[in-house]
Amino acid sequence: VPLSSETIFVPAGSLAAYQAADVWKDFGTILEIGATIPTPS
């Protein structure tokens, strides 16, 4: 799966954790979300 062109949405406040985590950090775009889930969900 070409993760460099993939987007992952993560809970607010956890951006740094995902940016440092093996494999998850390989997603091309990592975005935080709040209580309202974005359209992709």
ModelCIF file with pLDDT and N, C-alpha, C, O atoms, coordinates in Angstrom:
data_MODEL
#
_entry.id   MODEL 
#
_entity.id                         1 
_entity.type                       polymer 
_entity.pdbx_number_of_molecules   1 
#
_entity_poly.entity_id                      1 
_entity_poly.type                           'polypeptide(L)' 
_entity_poly.nstd_linkage                   no 
_entity_poly.nstd_monomer                   no 
_entity_poly.pdbx_seq_one_letter_code       VPLSSETIFVPAGSLAAYQAADVWKDFGTILEIGATIPTPS 
_entity_poly.pdbx_seq_one_letter_code_can   VPLSSETIFVPAGSLAAYQAADVWKDFGTILEIGATIPTPS 
_entity_poly.pdbx_strand_id                 A 
#
loop_
_entity_poly_seq.entity_id 
_entity_poly_seq.num 
_entity_poly_seq.mon_id 
_entity_poly_seq.hetero 
1 1  VAL n 
1 2  PRO n 
1 3  LEU n 
1 4  SER n 
1 5  SER n 
1 6  GLU n 
1 7  THR n 
1 8  ILE n 
1 9  PHE n 
1 10 VAL n 
1 11 PRO n 
1 12 ALA n 
1 13 GLY n 
1 14 SER n 
1 15 LEU n 
1 16 ALA n 
1 17 ALA n 
1 18 TYR n 
1 19 GLN n 
1 20 ALA n 
1 21 ALA n 
1 22 ASP n 
1 23 VAL n 
1 24 TRP n 
1 25 LYS n 
1 26 ASP n 
1 27 PHE n 
1 28 GLY n 
1 29 THR n 
1 30 ILE n 
1 31 LEU n 
1 32 GLU n 
1 33 ILE n 
1 34 GLY n 
1 35 ALA n 
1 36 THR n 
1 37 ILE n 
1 38 PRO n 
1 39 THR n 
1 40 PRO n 
1 41 SER n 
#
_struct_asym.id          A 
_struct_asym.entity_id   1 
#
loop_
_ma_qa_metric.id 
_ma_qa_metric.mode 
_ma_qa_metric.name 
_ma_qa_metric.software_group_id 
_ma_qa_metric.type 
1 global pLDDT . pLDDT 
2 local  pLDDT . pLDDT 
#
_ma_qa_metric_global.metric_id      1 
_ma_qa_metric_global.metric_value   86.85 
_ma_qa_metric_global.model_id       1 
_ma_qa_metric_global.ordinal_id     1 
#
loop_
_ma_qa_metric_local.label_asym_id 
_ma_qa_metric_local.label_comp_id 
_ma_qa_metric_local.label_seq_id 
_ma_qa_metric_local.metric_id 
_ma_qa_metric_local.metric_value 
_ma_qa_metric_local.model_id 
_ma_qa_metric_local.ordinal_id 
A VAL 1  2 96.00 1 1  
A PRO 2  2 94.00 1 2  
A LEU 3  2 95.00 1 3  
A SER 4  2 94.00 1 4  
A SER 5  2 94.00 1 5  
A GLU 6  2 95.00 1 6  
A THR 7  2 95.00 1 7  
A ILE 8  2 96.00 1 8  
A PHE 9  2 96.00 1 9  
A VAL 10 2 97.00 1 10 
A PRO 11 2 96.00 1 11 
A ALA 12 2 94.00 1 12 
A GLY 13 2 94.00 1 13 
A SER 14 2 96.00 1 14 
A LEU 15 2 95.00 1 15 
A ALA 16 2 96.00 1 16 
A ALA 17 2 97.00 1 17 
A TYR 18 2 97.00 1 18 
A GLN 19 2 97.00 1 19 
A ALA 20 2 98.00 1 20 
A ALA 21 2 98.00 1 21 
A ASP 22 2 97.00 1 22 
A VAL 23 2 97.00 1 23 
A TRP 24 2 98.00 1 24 
A LYS 25 2 97.00 1 25 
A ASP 26 2 97.00 1 26 
A PHE 27 2 97.00 1 27 
A GLY 28 2 96.00 1 28 
A THR 29 2 95.00 1 29 
A ILE 30 2 95.00 1 30 
A LEU 31 2 95.00 1 31 
A GLU 32 2 95.00 1 32 
A ILE 33 2 89.00 1 33 
A GLY 34 2 66.00 1 34 
A ALA 35 2 42.00 1 35 
A THR 36 2 48.00 1 36 
A ILE 37 2 48.00 1 37 
A PRO 38 2 50.00 1 38 
A THR 39 2 50.00 1 39 
A PRO 40 2 50.00 1 40 
A SER 41 2 49.00 1 41 
#
loop_
_atom_site.group_PDB 
_atom_site.id 
_atom_site.type_symbol 
_atom_site.label_atom_id 
_atom_site.label_alt_id 
_atom_site.label_comp_id 
_atom_site.label_asym_id 
_atom_site.label_entity_id 
_atom_site.label_seq_id 
_atom_site.pdbx_PDB_ins_code 
_atom_site.Cartn_x 
_atom_site.Cartn_y 
_atom_site.Cartn_z 
_atom_site.occupancy 
_atom_site.B_iso_or_equiv 
_atom_site.pdbx_formal_charge 
_atom_site.auth_seq_id 
_atom_site.auth_comp_id 
_atom_site.auth_asym_id 
_atom_site.auth_atom_id 
_atom_site.pdbx_PDB_model_num 
ATOM 1   N N  . VAL A 1 1  ? 0.870   -1.180 0.000  1.00 96.00 ? 1  VAL A N  1 
ATOM 2   C CA . VAL A 1 1  ? 0.000   0.000  0.000  1.00 96.00 ? 1  VAL A CA 1 
ATOM 3   C C  . VAL A 1 1  ? 0.907   1.229  0.000  1.00 96.00 ? 1  VAL A C  1 
ATOM 4   O O  . VAL A 1 1  ? 1.759   1.354  0.880  1.00 96.00 ? 1  VAL A O  1 
ATOM 5   N N  . PRO A 1 2  ? 0.747   2.133  -0.956 1.00 94.00 ? 2  PRO A N  1 
ATOM 6   C CA . PRO A 1 2  ? 1.631   3.312  -1.042 1.00 94.00 ? 2  PRO A CA 1 
ATOM 7   C C  . PRO A 1 2  ? 1.314   4.337  0.039  1.00 94.00 ? 2  PRO A C  1 
ATOM 8   O O  . PRO A 1 2  ? 0.619   5.319  -0.222 1.00 94.00 ? 2  PRO A O  1 
ATOM 9   N N  . LEU A 1 3  ? 1.817   4.117  1.250  1.00 95.00 ? 3  LEU A N  1 
ATOM 10  C CA . LEU A 1 3  ? 1.468   4.971  2.380  1.00 95.00 ? 3  LEU A CA 1 
ATOM 11  C C  . LEU A 1 3  ? 1.871   6.426  2.183  1.00 95.00 ? 3  LEU A C  1 
ATOM 12  O O  . LEU A 1 3  ? 1.256   7.321  2.761  1.00 95.00 ? 3  LEU A O  1 
ATOM 13  N N  . SER A 1 4  ? 2.888   6.668  1.381  1.00 94.00 ? 4  SER A N  1 
ATOM 14  C CA . SER A 1 4  ? 3.340   8.048  1.185  1.00 94.00 ? 4  SER A CA 1 
ATOM 15  C C  . SER A 1 4  ? 2.274   8.923  0.526  1.00 94.00 ? 4  SER A C  1 
ATOM 16  O O  . SER A 1 4  ? 2.326   10.150 0.609  1.00 94.00 ? 4  SER A O  1 
ATOM 17  N N  . SER A 1 5  ? 1.317   8.282  -0.125 1.00 94.00 ? 5  SER A N  1 
ATOM 18  C CA . SER A 1 5  ? 0.234   9.043  -0.761 1.00 94.00 ? 5  SER A CA 1 
ATOM 19  C C  . SER A 1 5  ? -1.094  8.870  -0.021 1.00 94.00 ? 5  SER A C  1 
ATOM 20  O O  . SER A 1 5  ? -2.142  9.280  -0.519 1.00 94.00 ? 5  SER A O  1 
ATOM 21  N N  . GLU A 1 6  ? -1.048  8.261  1.168  1.00 95.00 ? 6  GLU A N  1 
ATOM 22  C CA . GLU A 1 6  ? -2.245  8.006  1.950  1.00 95.00 ? 6  GLU A CA 1 
ATOM 23  C C  . GLU A 1 6  ? -2.419  9.061  3.047  1.00 95.00 ? 6  GLU A C  1 
ATOM 24  O O  . GLU A 1 6  ? -1.463  9.723  3.451  1.00 95.00 ? 6  GLU A O  1 
ATOM 25  N N  . THR A 1 7  ? -3.663  9.201  3.518  1.00 95.00 ? 7  THR A N  1 
ATOM 26  C CA . THR A 1 7  ? -3.987  10.121 4.605  1.00 95.00 ? 7  THR A CA 1 
ATOM 27  C C  . THR A 1 7  ? -4.519  9.341  5.795  1.00 95.00 ? 7  THR A C  1 
ATOM 28  O O  . THR A 1 7  ? -5.340  8.438  5.634  1.00 95.00 ? 7  THR A O  1 
ATOM 29  N N  . ILE A 1 8  ? -4.052  9.686  6.987  1.00 96.00 ? 8  ILE A N  1 
ATOM 30  C CA . ILE A 1 8  ? -4.602  9.092  8.202  1.00 96.00 ? 8  ILE A CA 1 
ATOM 31  C C  . ILE A 1 8  ? -5.081  10.205 9.121  1.00 96.00 ? 8  ILE A C  1 
ATOM 32  O O  . ILE A 1 8  ? -4.386  11.198 9.338  1.00 96.00 ? 8  ILE A O  1 
ATOM 33  N N  . PHE A 1 9  ? -6.303  10.015 9.666  1.00 96.00 ? 9  PHE A N  1 
ATOM 34  C CA . PHE A 1 9  ? -6.867  10.963 10.616 1.00 96.00 ? 9  PHE A CA 1 
ATOM 35  C C  . PHE A 1 9  ? -6.742  10.354 12.011 1.00 96.00 ? 9  PHE A C  1 
ATOM 36  O O  . PHE A 1 9  ? -7.099  9.195  12.220 1.00 96.00 ? 9  PHE A O  1 
ATOM 37  N N  . VAL A 1 10 ? -6.238  11.133 12.958 1.00 97.00 ? 10 VAL A N  1 
ATOM 38  C CA . VAL A 1 10 ? -5.988  10.631 14.312 1.00 97.00 ? 10 VAL A CA 1 
ATOM 39  C C  . VAL A 1 10 ? -6.623  11.574 15.332 1.00 97.00 ? 10 VAL A C  1 
ATOM 40  O O  . VAL A 1 10 ? -6.908  12.727 15.009 1.00 97.00 ? 10 VAL A O  1 
ATOM 41  N N  . PRO A 1 11 ? -6.850  11.099 16.561 1.00 96.00 ? 11 PRO A N  1 
ATOM 42  C CA . PRO A 1 11 ? -7.500  11.943 17.583 1.00 96.00 ? 11 PRO A CA 1 
ATOM 43  C C  . PRO A 1 11 ? -6.685  13.195 17.913 1.00 96.00 ? 11 PRO A C  1 
ATOM 44  O O  . PRO A 1 11 ? -5.460  13.202 17.800 1.00 96.00 ? 11 PRO A O  1 
ATOM 45  N N  . ALA A 1 12 ? -7.378  14.235 18.316 1.00 94.00 ? 12 ALA A N  1 
ATOM 46  C CA . ALA A 1 12 ? -6.718  15.481 18.722 1.00 94.00 ? 12 ALA A CA 1 
ATOM 47  C C  . ALA A 1 12 ? -5.744  15.202 19.863 1.00 94.00 ? 12 ALA A C  1 
ATOM 48  O O  . ALA A 1 12 ? -6.075  14.498 20.817 1.00 94.00 ? 12 ALA A O  1 
ATOM 49  N N  . GLY A 1 13 ? -4.572  15.746 19.755 1.00 94.00 ? 13 GLY A N  1 
ATOM 50  C CA . GLY A 1 13 ? -3.567  15.574 20.789 1.00 94.00 ? 13 GLY A CA 1 
ATOM 51  C C  . GLY A 1 13 ? -2.650  14.388 20.584 1.00 94.00 ? 13 GLY A C  1 
ATOM 52  O O  . GLY A 1 13 ? -1.718  14.190 21.364 1.00 94.00 ? 13 GLY A O  1 
ATOM 53  N N  . SER A 1 14 ? -2.894  13.589 19.544 1.00 96.00 ? 14 SER A N  1 
ATOM 54  C CA . SER A 1 14 ? -2.079  12.387 19.338 1.00 96.00 ? 14 SER A CA 1 
ATOM 55  C C  . SER A 1 14 ? -1.209  12.465 18.083 1.00 96.00 ? 14 SER A C  1 
ATOM 56  O O  . SER A 1 14 ? -0.601  11.472 17.683 1.00 96.00 ? 14 SER A O  1 
ATOM 57  N N  . LEU A 1 15 ? -1.154  13.621 17.478 1.00 95.00 ? 15 LEU A N  1 
ATOM 58  C CA . LEU A 1 15 ? -0.382  13.786 16.243 1.00 95.00 ? 15 LEU A CA 1 
ATOM 59  C C  . LEU A 1 15 ? 1.084   13.385 16.435 1.00 95.00 ? 15 LEU A C  1 
ATOM 60  O O  . LEU A 1 15 ? 1.635   12.632 15.632 1.00 95.00 ? 15 LEU A O  1 
ATOM 61  N N  . ALA A 1 16 ? 1.699   13.881 17.483 1.00 96.00 ? 16 ALA A N  1 
ATOM 62  C CA . ALA A 1 16 ? 3.118   13.586 17.721 1.00 96.00 ? 16 ALA A CA 1 
ATOM 63  C C  . ALA A 1 16 ? 3.356   12.092 17.924 1.00 96.00 ? 16 ALA A C  1 
ATOM 64  O O  . ALA A 1 16 ? 4.368   11.550 17.481 1.00 96.00 ? 16 ALA A O  1 
ATOM 65  N N  . ALA A 1 17 ? 2.420   11.437 18.593 1.00 97.00 ? 17 ALA A N  1 
ATOM 66  C CA . ALA A 1 17 ? 2.555   9.997  18.852 1.00 97.00 ? 17 ALA A CA 1 
ATOM 67  C C  . ALA A 1 17 ? 2.556   9.205  17.552 1.00 97.00 ? 17 ALA A C  1 
ATOM 68  O O  . ALA A 1 17 ? 3.339   8.270  17.387 1.00 97.00 ? 17 ALA A O  1 
ATOM 69  N N  . TYR A 1 18 ? 1.680   9.581  16.634 1.00 97.00 ? 18 TYR A N  1 
ATOM 70  C CA . TYR A 1 18 ? 1.614   8.886  15.346 1.00 97.00 ? 18 TYR A CA 1 
ATOM 71  C C  . TYR A 1 18 ? 2.820   9.223  14.471 1.00 97.00 ? 18 TYR A C  1 
ATOM 72  O O  . TYR A 1 18 ? 3.310   8.376  13.724 1.00 97.00 ? 18 TYR A O  1 
ATOM 73  N N  . GLN A 1 19 ? 3.289   10.457 14.568 1.00 97.00 ? 19 GLN A N  1 
ATOM 74  C CA . GLN A 1 19 ? 4.454   10.854 13.779 1.00 97.00 ? 19 GLN A CA 1 
ATOM 75  C C  . GLN A 1 19 ? 5.718   10.124 14.216 1.00 97.00 ? 19 GLN A C  1 
ATOM 76  O O  . GLN A 1 19 ? 6.690   10.040 13.465 1.00 97.00 ? 19 GLN A O  1 
ATOM 77  N N  . ALA A 1 20 ? 5.696   9.596  15.439 1.00 98.00 ? 20 ALA A N  1 
ATOM 78  C CA . ALA A 1 20 ? 6.856   8.885  15.974 1.00 98.00 ? 20 ALA A CA 1 
ATOM 79  C C  . ALA A 1 20 ? 6.699   7.367  15.947 1.00 98.00 ? 20 ALA A C  1 
ATOM 80  O O  . ALA A 1 20 ? 7.658   6.640  16.204 1.00 98.00 ? 20 ALA A O  1 
ATOM 81  N N  . ALA A 1 21 ? 5.487   6.882  15.636 1.00 98.00 ? 21 ALA A N  1 
ATOM 82  C CA . ALA A 1 21 ? 5.220   5.448  15.706 1.00 98.00 ? 21 ALA A CA 1 
ATOM 83  C C  . ALA A 1 21 ? 5.613   4.733  14.415 1.00 98.00 ? 21 ALA A C  1 
ATOM 84  O O  . ALA A 1 21 ? 5.346   5.226  13.319 1.00 98.00 ? 21 ALA A O  1 
ATOM 85  N N  . ASP A 1 22 ? 6.236   3.592  14.550 1.00 97.00 ? 22 ASP A N  1 
ATOM 86  C CA . ASP A 1 22 ? 6.619   2.791  13.387 1.00 97.00 ? 22 ASP A CA 1 
ATOM 87  C C  . ASP A 1 22 ? 5.408   2.526  12.499 1.00 97.00 ? 22 ASP A C  1 
ATOM 88  O O  . ASP A 1 22 ? 4.317   2.251  12.999 1.00 97.00 ? 22 ASP A O  1 
ATOM 89  N N  . VAL A 1 23 ? 5.593   2.606  11.219 1.00 97.00 ? 23 VAL A N  1 
ATOM 90  C CA . VAL A 1 23 ? 4.603   2.374  10.152 1.00 97.00 ? 23 VAL A CA 1 
ATOM 91  C C  . VAL A 1 23 ? 3.600   3.525  10.059 1.00 97.00 ? 23 VAL A C  1 
ATOM 92  O O  . VAL A 1 23 ? 3.412   4.094  8.983  1.00 97.00 ? 23 VAL A O  1 
ATOM 93  N N  . TRP A 1 24 ? 2.953   3.873  11.181 1.00 98.00 ? 24 TRP A N  1 
ATOM 94  C CA . TRP A 1 24 ? 1.981   4.969  11.132 1.00 98.00 ? 24 TRP A CA 1 
ATOM 95  C C  . TRP A 1 24 ? 2.655   6.263  10.655 1.00 98.00 ? 24 TRP A C  1 
ATOM 96  O O  . TRP A 1 24 ? 2.040   7.074  9.962  1.00 98.00 ? 24 TRP A O  1 
ATOM 97  N N  . LYS A 1 25 ? 3.901   6.441  11.028 1.00 97.00 ? 25 LYS A N  1 
ATOM 98  C CA . LYS A 1 25 ? 4.613   7.667  10.636 1.00 97.00 ? 25 LYS A CA 1 
ATOM 99  C C  . LYS A 1 25 ? 4.888   7.724  9.138  1.00 97.00 ? 25 LYS A C  1 
ATOM 100 O O  . LYS A 1 25 ? 5.260   8.773  8.613  1.00 97.00 ? 25 LYS A O  1 
ATOM 101 N N  . ASP A 1 26 ? 4.703   6.592  8.444  1.00 97.00 ? 26 ASP A N  1 
ATOM 102 C CA . ASP A 1 26 ? 4.974   6.535  7.007  1.00 97.00 ? 26 ASP A CA 1 
ATOM 103 C C  . ASP A 1 26 ? 3.830   7.057  6.147  1.00 97.00 ? 26 ASP A C  1 
ATOM 104 O O  . ASP A 1 26 ? 3.977   7.201  4.933  1.00 97.00 ? 26 ASP A O  1 
ATOM 105 N N  . PHE A 1 27 ? 2.679   7.343  6.779  1.00 97.00 ? 27 PHE A N  1 
ATOM 106 C CA . PHE A 1 27 ? 1.572   7.940  6.015  1.00 97.00 ? 27 PHE A CA 1 
ATOM 107 C C  . PHE A 1 27 ? 2.005   9.320  5.527  1.00 97.00 ? 27 PHE A C  1 
ATOM 108 O O  . PHE A 1 27 ? 2.616   10.091 6.267  1.00 97.00 ? 27 PHE A O  1 
ATOM 109 N N  . GLY A 1 28 ? 1.679   9.618  4.273  1.00 96.00 ? 28 GLY A N  1 
ATOM 110 C CA . GLY A 1 28 ? 2.085   10.888 3.689  1.00 96.00 ? 28 GLY A CA 1 
ATOM 111 C C  . GLY A 1 28 ? 1.477   12.087 4.373  1.00 96.00 ? 28 GLY A C  1 
ATOM 112 O O  . GLY A 1 28 ? 2.112   13.135 4.490  1.00 96.00 ? 28 GLY A O  1 
ATOM 113 N N  . THR A 1 29 ? 0.224   11.932 4.836  1.00 95.00 ? 29 THR A N  1 
ATOM 114 C CA . THR A 1 29 ? -0.470  13.020 5.521  1.00 95.00 ? 29 THR A CA 1 
ATOM 115 C C  . THR A 1 29 ? -1.078  12.492 6.813  1.00 95.00 ? 29 THR A C  1 
ATOM 116 O O  . THR A 1 29 ? -1.829  11.517 6.794  1.00 95.00 ? 29 THR A O  1 
ATOM 117 N N  . ILE A 1 30 ? -0.760  13.125 7.926  1.00 95.00 ? 30 ILE A N  1 
ATOM 118 C CA . ILE A 1 30 ? -1.332  12.768 9.224  1.00 95.00 ? 30 ILE A CA 1 
ATOM 119 C C  . ILE A 1 30 ? -2.052  13.998 9.755  1.00 95.00 ? 30 ILE A C  1 
ATOM 120 O O  . ILE A 1 30 ? -1.432  15.036 9.986  1.00 95.00 ? 30 ILE A O  1 
ATOM 121 N N  . LEU A 1 31 ? -3.357  13.880 9.946  1.00 95.00 ? 31 LEU A N  1 
ATOM 122 C CA . LEU A 1 31 ? -4.160  15.016 10.380 1.00 95.00 ? 31 LEU A CA 1 
ATOM 123 C C  . LEU A 1 31 ? -4.884  14.700 11.676 1.00 95.00 ? 31 LEU A C  1 
ATOM 124 O O  . LEU A 1 31 ? -5.387  13.591 11.856 1.00 95.00 ? 31 LEU A O  1 
ATOM 125 N N  . GLU A 1 32 ? -4.937  15.669 12.578 1.00 95.00 ? 32 GLU A N  1 
ATOM 126 C CA . GLU A 1 32 ? -5.691  15.504 13.814 1.00 95.00 ? 32 GLU A CA 1 
ATOM 127 C C  . GLU A 1 32 ? -7.162  15.820 13.571 1.00 95.00 ? 32 GLU A C  1 
ATOM 128 O O  . GLU A 1 32 ? -7.514  16.640 12.722 1.00 95.00 ? 32 GLU A O  1 
ATOM 129 N N  . ILE A 1 33 ? -7.996  15.152 14.331 1.00 89.00 ? 33 ILE A N  1 
ATOM 130 C CA . ILE A 1 33 ? -9.434  15.432 14.291 1.00 89.00 ? 33 ILE A CA 1 
ATOM 131 C C  . ILE A 1 33 ? -9.908  15.722 15.702 1.00 89.00 ? 33 ILE A C  1 
ATOM 132 O O  . ILE A 1 33 ? -9.254  15.354 16.678 1.00 89.00 ? 33 ILE A O  1 
ATOM 133 N N  . GLY A 1 34 ? -11.051 16.384 15.804 1.00 66.00 ? 34 GLY A N  1 
ATOM 134 C CA . GLY A 1 34 ? -11.620 16.666 17.109 1.00 66.00 ? 34 GLY A CA 1 
ATOM 135 C C  . GLY A 1 34 ? -12.807 15.766 17.368 1.00 66.00 ? 34 GLY A C  1 
ATOM 136 O O  . GLY A 1 34 ? -12.836 14.617 16.927 1.00 66.00 ? 34 GLY A O  1 
ATOM 137 N N  . ALA A 1 35 ? -13.773 16.283 18.077 1.00 42.00 ? 35 ALA A N  1 
ATOM 138 C CA . ALA A 1 35 ? -14.960 15.491 18.407 1.00 42.00 ? 35 ALA A CA 1 
ATOM 139 C C  . ALA A 1 35 ? -15.772 15.200 17.163 1.00 42.00 ? 35 ALA A C  1 
ATOM 140 O O  . ALA A 1 35 ? -16.464 14.184 17.101 1.00 42.00 ? 35 ALA A O  1 
ATOM 141 N N  . THR A 1 36 ? -15.699 16.079 16.163 1.00 48.00 ? 36 THR A N  1 
ATOM 142 C CA . THR A 1 36 ? -16.435 15.890 14.915 1.00 48.00 ? 36 THR A CA 1 
ATOM 143 C C  . THR A 1 36 ? -15.551 15.146 13.929 1.00 48.00 ? 36 THR A C  1 
ATOM 144 O O  . THR A 1 36 ? -14.467 15.612 13.578 1.00 48.00 ? 36 THR A O  1 
ATOM 145 N N  . ILE A 1 37 ? -16.018 13.993 13.487 1.00 48.00 ? 37 ILE A N  1 
ATOM 146 C CA . ILE A 1 37 ? -15.250 13.163 12.567 1.00 48.00 ? 37 ILE A CA 1 
ATOM 147 C C  . ILE A 1 37 ? -15.363 13.738 11.159 1.00 48.00 ? 37 ILE A C  1 
ATOM 148 O O  . ILE A 1 37 ? -16.458 14.123 10.749 1.00 48.00 ? 37 ILE A O  1 
ATOM 149 N N  . PRO A 1 38 ? -14.270 13.808 10.411 1.00 50.00 ? 38 PRO A N  1 
ATOM 150 C CA . PRO A 1 38 ? -14.321 14.396 9.073  1.00 50.00 ? 38 PRO A CA 1 
ATOM 151 C C  . PRO A 1 38 ? -15.095 13.536 8.079  1.00 50.00 ? 38 PRO A C  1 
ATOM 152 O O  . PRO A 1 38 ? -15.456 12.393 8.359  1.00 50.00 ? 38 PRO A O  1 
ATOM 153 N N  . THR A 1 39 ? -15.332 14.114 6.932  1.00 50.00 ? 39 THR A N  1 
ATOM 154 C CA . THR A 1 39 ? -16.125 13.458 5.898  1.00 50.00 ? 39 THR A CA 1 
ATOM 155 C C  . THR A 1 39 ? -15.711 12.022 5.585  1.00 50.00 ? 39 THR A C  1 
ATOM 156 O O  . THR A 1 39 ? -16.592 11.187 5.385  1.00 50.00 ? 39 THR A O  1 
ATOM 157 N N  . PRO A 1 40 ? -14.394 11.680 5.531  1.00 50.00 ? 40 PRO A N  1 
ATOM 158 C CA . PRO A 1 40 ? -14.023 10.307 5.187  1.00 50.00 ? 40 PRO A CA 1 
ATOM 159 C C  . PRO A 1 40 ? -14.608 9.231  6.089  1.00 50.00 ? 40 PRO A C  1 
ATOM 160 O O  . PRO A 1 40 ? -14.603 8.058  5.714  1.00 50.00 ? 40 PRO A O  1 
ATOM 161 N N  . SER A 1 41 ? -15.116 9.595  7.276  1.00 49.00 ? 41 SER A N  1 
ATOM 162 C CA . SER A 1 41 ? -15.645 8.577  8.172  1.00 49.00 ? 41 SER A CA 1 
ATOM 163 C C  . SER A 1 41 ? -17.115 8.279  7.909  1.00 49.00 ? 41 SER A C  1 
ATOM 164 O O  . SER A 1 41 ? -17.706 7.439  8.587  1.00 49.00 ? 41 SER A O  1 
#
